[in-house]
């Protein structure tokens, strides 16, 4: 899976520690999410979507449209 979490973090000028705190995990676990060493759970994905104001599809690399879809 082509997660864009590292790309999004860098675009927003966040450290791994800052993102980890925002999504309620350790910096070490967040680092493992970025490298693909550990699969990220849906709870963390939804927190990242809220943090970056984007869609799950964009975060997961399924679309190039960064804006979330309207309801």
PDB file of N, CA and C in Angstrom:
ATOM      1  N   UNK A   1       0.848  -1.179   0.000  1.00  0.00           N
ATOM      2  CA  UNK A   1       0.000   0.000   0.000  1.00  0.00           C
ATOM      3  C   UNK A   1       0.890   1.238   0.000  1.00  0.00           C
ATOM      4  N   UNK A   2       0.522   2.229  -0.772  1.00  0.00           N
ATOM      5  CA  UNK A   2       1.307   3.448  -0.907  1.00  0.00           C
ATOM      6  C   UNK A   2       0.744   4.541   0.006  1.00  0.00           C
ATOM      7  N   UNK A   3       0.988   4.414   1.317  1.00  0.00           N
ATOM      8  CA  UNK A   3       0.515   5.430   2.249  1.00  0.00           C
ATOM      9  C   UNK A   3       1.279   6.731   2.037  1.00  0.00           C
ATOM     10  N   UNK A   4       0.552   7.823   2.135  1.00  0.00           N
ATOM     11  CA  UNK A   4       1.172   9.138   1.961  1.00  0.00           C
ATOM     12  C   UNK A   4       1.429   9.813   3.300  1.00  0.00           C
ATOM     13  N   UNK A   5       1.560   9.059   4.357  1.00  0.00           N
ATOM     14  CA  UNK A   5       1.632   9.698   5.668  1.00  0.00           C
ATOM     15  C   UNK A   5       2.943  10.459   5.883  1.00  0.00           C
ATOM     16  N   UNK A   6       4.032   9.961   5.369  1.00  0.00           N
ATOM     17  CA  UNK A   6       5.301  10.686   5.518  1.00  0.00           C
ATOM     18  C   UNK A   6       5.270  11.958   4.679  1.00  0.00           C
ATOM     19  N   UNK A   7       4.790  11.833   3.459  1.00  0.00           N
ATOM     20  CA  UNK A   7       4.674  12.989   2.562  1.00  0.00           C
ATOM     21  C   UNK A   7       3.792  14.072   3.191  1.00  0.00           C
ATOM     22  N   UNK A   8       2.657  13.679   3.734  1.00  0.00           N
ATOM     23  CA  UNK A   8       1.736  14.640   4.349  1.00  0.00           C
ATOM     24  C   UNK A   8       2.370  15.287   5.583  1.00  0.00           C
ATOM     25  N   UNK A   9       3.055  14.504   6.386  1.00  0.00           N
ATOM     26  CA  UNK A   9       3.705  15.050   7.579  1.00  0.00           C
ATOM     27  C   UNK A   9       4.720  16.113   7.200  1.00  0.00           C
ATOM     28  N   UNK A  10       5.524  15.813   6.199  1.00  0.00           N
ATOM     29  CA  UNK A  10       6.549  16.775   5.778  1.00  0.00           C
ATOM     30  C   UNK A  10       5.937  18.028   5.161  1.00  0.00           C
ATOM     31  N   UNK A  11       4.875  17.868   4.386  1.00  0.00           N
ATOM     32  CA  UNK A  11       4.202  19.026   3.787  1.00  0.00           C
ATOM     33  C   UNK A  11       3.630  19.962   4.851  1.00  0.00           C
ATOM     34  N   UNK A  12       3.227  19.398   5.976  1.00  0.00           N
ATOM     35  CA  UNK A  12       2.656  20.197   7.061  1.00  0.00           C
ATOM     36  C   UNK A  12       3.701  20.608   8.103  1.00  0.00           C
ATOM     37  N   UNK A  13       4.957  20.261   7.854  1.00  0.00           N
ATOM     38  CA  UNK A  13       6.076  20.638   8.728  1.00  0.00           C
ATOM     39  C   UNK A  13       5.902  20.130  10.154  1.00  0.00           C
ATOM     40  N   UNK A  14       5.409  18.893  10.281  1.00  0.00           N
ATOM     41  CA  UNK A  14       5.269  18.249  11.579  1.00  0.00           C
ATOM     42  C   UNK A  14       6.422  17.277  11.788  1.00  0.00           C
ATOM     43  N   UNK A  15       6.787  17.096  13.037  1.00  0.00           N
ATOM     44  CA  UNK A  15       7.729  16.033  13.381  1.00  0.00           C
ATOM     45  C   UNK A  15       6.943  14.745  13.588  1.00  0.00           C
ATOM     46  N   UNK A  16       7.643  13.630  13.598  1.00  0.00           N
ATOM     47  CA  UNK A  16       6.974  12.366  13.890  1.00  0.00           C
ATOM     48  C   UNK A  16       6.356  12.407  15.285  1.00  0.00           C
ATOM     49  N   UNK A  17       7.034  13.014  16.223  1.00  0.00           N
ATOM     50  CA  UNK A  17       6.525  13.094  17.594  1.00  0.00           C
ATOM     51  C   UNK A  17       5.226  13.896  17.659  1.00  0.00           C
ATOM     52  N   UNK A  18       5.147  14.978  16.899  1.00  0.00           N
ATOM     53  CA  UNK A  18       3.929  15.791  16.891  1.00  0.00           C
ATOM     54  C   UNK A  18       2.748  15.023  16.317  1.00  0.00           C
ATOM     55  N   UNK A  19       2.980  14.310  15.225  1.00  0.00           N
ATOM     56  CA  UNK A  19       1.899  13.528  14.622  1.00  0.00           C
ATOM     57  C   UNK A  19       1.510  12.384  15.540  1.00  0.00           C
ATOM     58  N   UNK A  20       2.483  11.732  16.120  1.00  0.00           N
ATOM     59  CA  UNK A  20       2.205  10.624  17.038  1.00  0.00           C
ATOM     60  C   UNK A  20       1.322  11.094  18.185  1.00  0.00           C
ATOM     61  N   UNK A  21       1.620  12.237  18.741  1.00  0.00           N
ATOM     62  CA  UNK A  21       0.808  12.774  19.830  1.00  0.00           C
ATOM     63  C   UNK A  21      -0.615  13.056  19.355  1.00  0.00           C
ATOM     64  N   UNK A  22      -0.748  13.621  18.165  1.00  0.00           N
ATOM     65  CA  UNK A  22      -2.060  13.963  17.624  1.00  0.00           C
ATOM     66  C   UNK A  22      -2.929  12.733  17.361  1.00  0.00           C
ATOM     67  N   UNK A  23      -2.297  11.612  17.024  1.00  0.00           N
ATOM     68  CA  UNK A  23      -3.081  10.404  16.716  1.00  0.00           C
ATOM     69  C   UNK A  23      -3.037   9.380  17.849  1.00  0.00           C
ATOM     70  N   UNK A  24      -2.452   9.785  18.976  1.00  0.00           N
ATOM     71  CA  UNK A  24      -2.463   8.972  20.197  1.00  0.00           C
ATOM     72  C   UNK A  24      -1.675   7.666  20.060  1.00  0.00           C
ATOM     73  N   UNK A  25      -0.419   7.806  19.679  1.00  0.00           N
ATOM     74  CA  UNK A  25       0.473   6.649  19.660  1.00  0.00           C
ATOM     75  C   UNK A  25       1.882   7.136  19.976  1.00  0.00           C
ATOM     76  N   UNK A  26       2.799   6.212  20.146  1.00  0.00           N
ATOM     77  CA  UNK A  26       4.186   6.596  20.414  1.00  0.00           C
ATOM     78  C   UNK A  26       4.875   7.020  19.119  1.00  0.00           C
ATOM     79  N   UNK A  27       5.935   7.779  19.267  1.00  0.00           N
ATOM     80  CA  UNK A  27       6.716   8.188  18.105  1.00  0.00           C
ATOM     81  C   UNK A  27       7.311   6.971  17.425  1.00  0.00           C
ATOM     82  N   UNK A  28       7.713   5.983  18.210  1.00  0.00           N
ATOM     83  CA  UNK A  28       8.297   4.773  17.652  1.00  0.00           C
ATOM     84  C   UNK A  28       7.284   4.027  16.781  1.00  0.00           C
ATOM     85  N   UNK A  29       6.056   3.901  17.264  1.00  0.00           N
ATOM     86  CA  UNK A  29       5.026   3.246  16.447  1.00  0.00           C
ATOM     87  C   UNK A  29       4.728   4.045  15.199  1.00  0.00           C
ATOM     88  N   UNK A  30       4.653   5.371  15.344  1.00  0.00           N
ATOM     89  CA  UNK A  30       4.384   6.190  14.161  1.00  0.00           C
ATOM     90  C   UNK A  30       5.482   6.006  13.117  1.00  0.00           C
ATOM     91  N   UNK A  31       6.725   5.961  13.554  1.00  0.00           N
ATOM     92  CA  UNK A  31       7.832   5.735  12.637  1.00  0.00           C
ATOM     93  C   UNK A  31       7.655   4.417  11.886  1.00  0.00           C
ATOM     94  N   UNK A  32       7.204   3.405  12.588  1.00  0.00           N
ATOM     95  CA  UNK A  32       6.961   2.102  11.961  1.00  0.00           C
ATOM     96  C   UNK A  32       5.813   2.160  10.954  1.00  0.00           C
ATOM     97  N   UNK A  33       4.829   3.004  11.220  1.00  0.00           N
ATOM     98  CA  UNK A  33       3.745   3.188  10.240  1.00  0.00           C
ATOM     99  C   UNK A  33       4.314   3.786   8.946  1.00  0.00           C
ATOM    100  N   UNK A  34       5.178   4.790   9.099  1.00  0.00           N
ATOM    101  CA  UNK A  34       5.752   5.454   7.919  1.00  0.00           C
ATOM    102  C   UNK A  34       6.599   4.501   7.087  1.00  0.00           C
ATOM    103  N   UNK A  35       7.321   3.617   7.726  1.00  0.00           N
ATOM    104  CA  UNK A  35       8.191   2.702   6.981  1.00  0.00           C
ATOM    105  C   UNK A  35       7.451   1.476   6.471  1.00  0.00           C
ATOM    106  N   UNK A  36       6.222   1.287   6.950  1.00  0.00           N
ATOM    107  CA  UNK A  36       5.455   0.117   6.537  1.00  0.00           C
ATOM    108  C   UNK A  36       5.781  -1.122   7.337  1.00  0.00           C
ATOM    109  N   UNK A  37       6.591  -0.957   8.364  1.00  0.00           N
ATOM    110  CA  UNK A  37       6.977  -2.076   9.219  1.00  0.00           C
ATOM    111  C   UNK A  37       5.772  -2.608  10.005  1.00  0.00           C
ATOM    112  N   UNK A  38       4.863  -1.694  10.358  1.00  0.00           N
ATOM    113  CA  UNK A  38       3.647  -2.035  11.099  1.00  0.00           C
ATOM    114  C   UNK A  38       2.451  -1.465  10.352  1.00  0.00           C
ATOM    115  N   UNK A  39       1.393  -2.253  10.234  1.00  0.00           N
ATOM    116  CA  UNK A  39       0.170  -1.781   9.586  1.00  0.00           C
ATOM    117  C   UNK A  39      -0.538  -0.781  10.495  1.00  0.00           C
ATOM    118  N   UNK A  40      -1.034   0.274   9.909  1.00  0.00           N
ATOM    119  CA  UNK A  40      -1.737   1.307  10.662  1.00  0.00           C
ATOM    120  C   UNK A  40      -3.216   0.949  10.746  1.00  0.00           C
ATOM    121  N   UNK A  41      -3.794   1.097  11.935  1.00  0.00           N
ATOM    122  CA  UNK A  41      -5.197   0.722  12.098  1.00  0.00           C
ATOM    123  C   UNK A  41      -6.128   1.861  11.673  1.00  0.00           C
ATOM    124  N   UNK A  42      -7.384   1.526  11.488  1.00  0.00           N
ATOM    125  CA  UNK A  42      -8.364   2.478  10.958  1.00  0.00           C
ATOM    126  C   UNK A  42      -8.539   3.682  11.877  1.00  0.00           C
ATOM    127  N   UNK A  43      -8.434   3.481  13.177  1.00  0.00           N
ATOM    128  CA  UNK A  43      -8.558   4.600  14.113  1.00  0.00           C
ATOM    129  C   UNK A  43      -7.481   5.637  13.854  1.00  0.00           C
ATOM    130  N   UNK A  44      -6.271   5.188  13.634  1.00  0.00           N
ATOM    131  CA  UNK A  44      -5.157   6.112  13.375  1.00  0.00           C
ATOM    132  C   UNK A  44      -5.318   6.780  12.003  1.00  0.00           C
ATOM    133  N   UNK A  45      -5.806   6.028  11.038  1.00  0.00           N
ATOM    134  CA  UNK A  45      -6.032   6.605   9.706  1.00  0.00           C
ATOM    135  C   UNK A  45      -7.064   7.729   9.782  1.00  0.00           C
ATOM    136  N   UNK A  46      -8.146   7.503  10.499  1.00  0.00           N
ATOM    137  CA  UNK A  46      -9.171   8.550  10.593  1.00  0.00           C
ATOM    138  C   UNK A  46      -8.644   9.766  11.347  1.00  0.00           C
ATOM    139  N   UNK A  47      -7.794   9.561  12.320  1.00  0.00           N
ATOM    140  CA  UNK A  47      -7.188  10.701  13.018  1.00  0.00           C
ATOM    141  C   UNK A  47      -6.266  11.488  12.081  1.00  0.00           C
ATOM    142  N   UNK A  48      -5.524  10.782  11.236  1.00  0.00           N
ATOM    143  CA  UNK A  48      -4.663  11.460  10.260  1.00  0.00           C
ATOM    144  C   UNK A  48      -5.480  12.239   9.236  1.00  0.00           C
ATOM    145  N   UNK A  49      -6.572  11.654   8.792  1.00  0.00           N
ATOM    146  CA  UNK A  49      -7.464  12.330   7.846  1.00  0.00           C
ATOM    147  C   UNK A  49      -7.960  13.637   8.457  1.00  0.00           C
ATOM    148  N   UNK A  50      -8.357  13.595   9.722  1.00  0.00           N
ATOM    149  CA  UNK A  50      -8.811  14.813  10.402  1.00  0.00           C
ATOM    150  C   UNK A  50      -7.670  15.813  10.569  1.00  0.00           C
ATOM    151  N   UNK A  51      -6.495  15.338  10.922  1.00  0.00           N
ATOM    152  CA  UNK A  51      -5.340  16.215  11.116  1.00  0.00           C
ATOM    153  C   UNK A  51      -4.978  16.953   9.830  1.00  0.00           C
ATOM    154  N   UNK A  52      -4.989  16.227   8.712  1.00  0.00           N
ATOM    155  CA  UNK A  52      -4.556  16.800   7.443  1.00  0.00           C
ATOM    156  C   UNK A  52      -5.700  17.327   6.578  1.00  0.00           C
ATOM    157  N   UNK A  53      -6.931  17.190   7.041  1.00  0.00           N
ATOM    158  CA  UNK A  53      -8.097  17.666   6.290  1.00  0.00           C
ATOM    159  C   UNK A  53      -8.093  17.118   4.868  1.00  0.00           C
ATOM    160  N   UNK A  54      -7.986  15.817   4.777  1.00  0.00           N
ATOM    161  CA  UNK A  54      -7.956  15.157   3.484  1.00  0.00           C
ATOM    162  C   UNK A  54      -8.882  13.952   3.515  1.00  0.00           C
ATOM    163  N   UNK A  55      -8.822  13.126   2.490  1.00  0.00           N
ATOM    164  CA  UNK A  55      -9.675  11.938   2.433  1.00  0.00           C
ATOM    165  C   UNK A  55      -8.857  10.678   2.718  1.00  0.00           C
ATOM    166  N   UNK A  56      -9.546   9.650   3.124  1.00  0.00           N
ATOM    167  CA  UNK A  56      -8.899   8.358   3.322  1.00  0.00           C
ATOM    168  C   UNK A  56      -8.298   7.878   2.006  1.00  0.00           C
ATOM    169  N   UNK A  57      -9.043   8.057   0.913  1.00  0.00           N
ATOM    170  CA  UNK A  57      -8.551   7.635  -0.398  1.00  0.00           C
ATOM    171  C   UNK A  57      -7.215   8.297  -0.740  1.00  0.00           C
ATOM    172  N   UNK A  58      -7.091   9.591  -0.465  1.00  0.00           N
ATOM    173  CA  UNK A  58      -5.835  10.281  -0.755  1.00  0.00           C
ATOM    174  C   UNK A  58      -4.718   9.749   0.139  1.00  0.00           C
ATOM    175  N   UNK A  59      -5.011   9.629   1.422  1.00  0.00           N
ATOM    176  CA  UNK A  59      -4.007   9.154   2.372  1.00  0.00           C
ATOM    177  C   UNK A  59      -3.512   7.760   2.017  1.00  0.00           C
ATOM    178  N   UNK A  60      -4.401   6.924   1.510  1.00  0.00           N
ATOM    179  CA  UNK A  60      -4.031   5.558   1.142  1.00  0.00           C
ATOM    180  C   UNK A  60      -3.445   5.455  -0.262  1.00  0.00           C
ATOM    181  N   UNK A  61      -3.382   6.572  -0.982  1.00  0.00           N
ATOM    182  CA  UNK A  61      -2.807   6.567  -2.318  1.00  0.00           C
ATOM    183  C   UNK A  61      -3.748   6.043  -3.394  1.00  0.00           C
ATOM    184  N   UNK A  62      -5.054   6.066  -3.117  1.00  0.00           N
ATOM    185  CA  UNK A  62      -6.032   5.565  -4.084  1.00  0.00           C
ATOM    186  C   UNK A  62      -6.524   6.631  -5.048  1.00  0.00           C
ATOM    187  N   UNK A  63      -6.247   7.894  -4.734  1.00  0.00           N
ATOM    188  CA  UNK A  63      -6.613   9.006  -5.590  1.00  0.00           C
ATOM    189  C   UNK A  63      -5.557  10.098  -5.451  1.00  0.00           C
ATOM    190  N   UNK A  64      -5.511  10.986  -6.424  1.00  0.00           N
ATOM    191  CA  UNK A  64      -4.602  12.125  -6.355  1.00  0.00           C
ATOM    192  C   UNK A  64      -5.347  13.385  -5.943  1.00  0.00           C
ATOM    193  N   UNK A  65      -6.644  13.268  -5.658  1.00  0.00           N
ATOM    194  CA  UNK A  65      -7.448  14.408  -5.218  1.00  0.00           C
ATOM    195  C   UNK A  65      -7.287  14.547  -3.708  1.00  0.00           C
ATOM    196  N   UNK A  66      -6.618  15.610  -3.288  1.00  0.00           N
ATOM    197  CA  UNK A  66      -6.288  15.777  -1.871  1.00  0.00           C
ATOM    198  C   UNK A  66      -7.487  16.206  -1.027  1.00  0.00           C
ATOM    199  N   UNK A  67      -8.423  16.951  -1.644  1.00  0.00           N
ATOM    200  CA  UNK A  67      -9.564  17.437  -0.886  1.00  0.00           C
ATOM    201  C   UNK A  67     -10.542  16.292  -0.622  1.00  0.00           C
ATOM    202  N   UNK A  68     -11.133  16.278   0.578  1.00  0.00           N
ATOM    203  CA  UNK A  68     -12.135  15.237   0.863  1.00  0.00           C
ATOM    204  C   UNK A  68     -13.389  15.475   0.030  1.00  0.00           C
ATOM    205  N   UNK A  69     -14.115  14.404  -0.223  1.00  0.00           N
ATOM    206  CA  UNK A  69     -15.362  14.522  -0.985  1.00  0.00           C
ATOM    207  C   UNK A  69     -16.431  15.152  -0.111  1.00  0.00           C
ATOM    208  N   UNK A  70     -17.333  15.924  -0.751  1.00  0.00           N
ATOM    209  CA  UNK A  70     -18.458  16.508  -0.020  1.00  0.00           C
ATOM    210  C   UNK A  70     -19.452  15.444   0.365  1.00  0.00           C
ATOM    211  N   UNK A  71     -20.262  15.762   1.333  1.00  0.00           N
ATOM    212  CA  UNK A  71     -21.271  14.795   1.793  1.00  0.00           C
ATOM    213  C   UNK A  71     -22.495  14.841   0.908  1.00  0.00           C
TER     214      UNK A  71
END
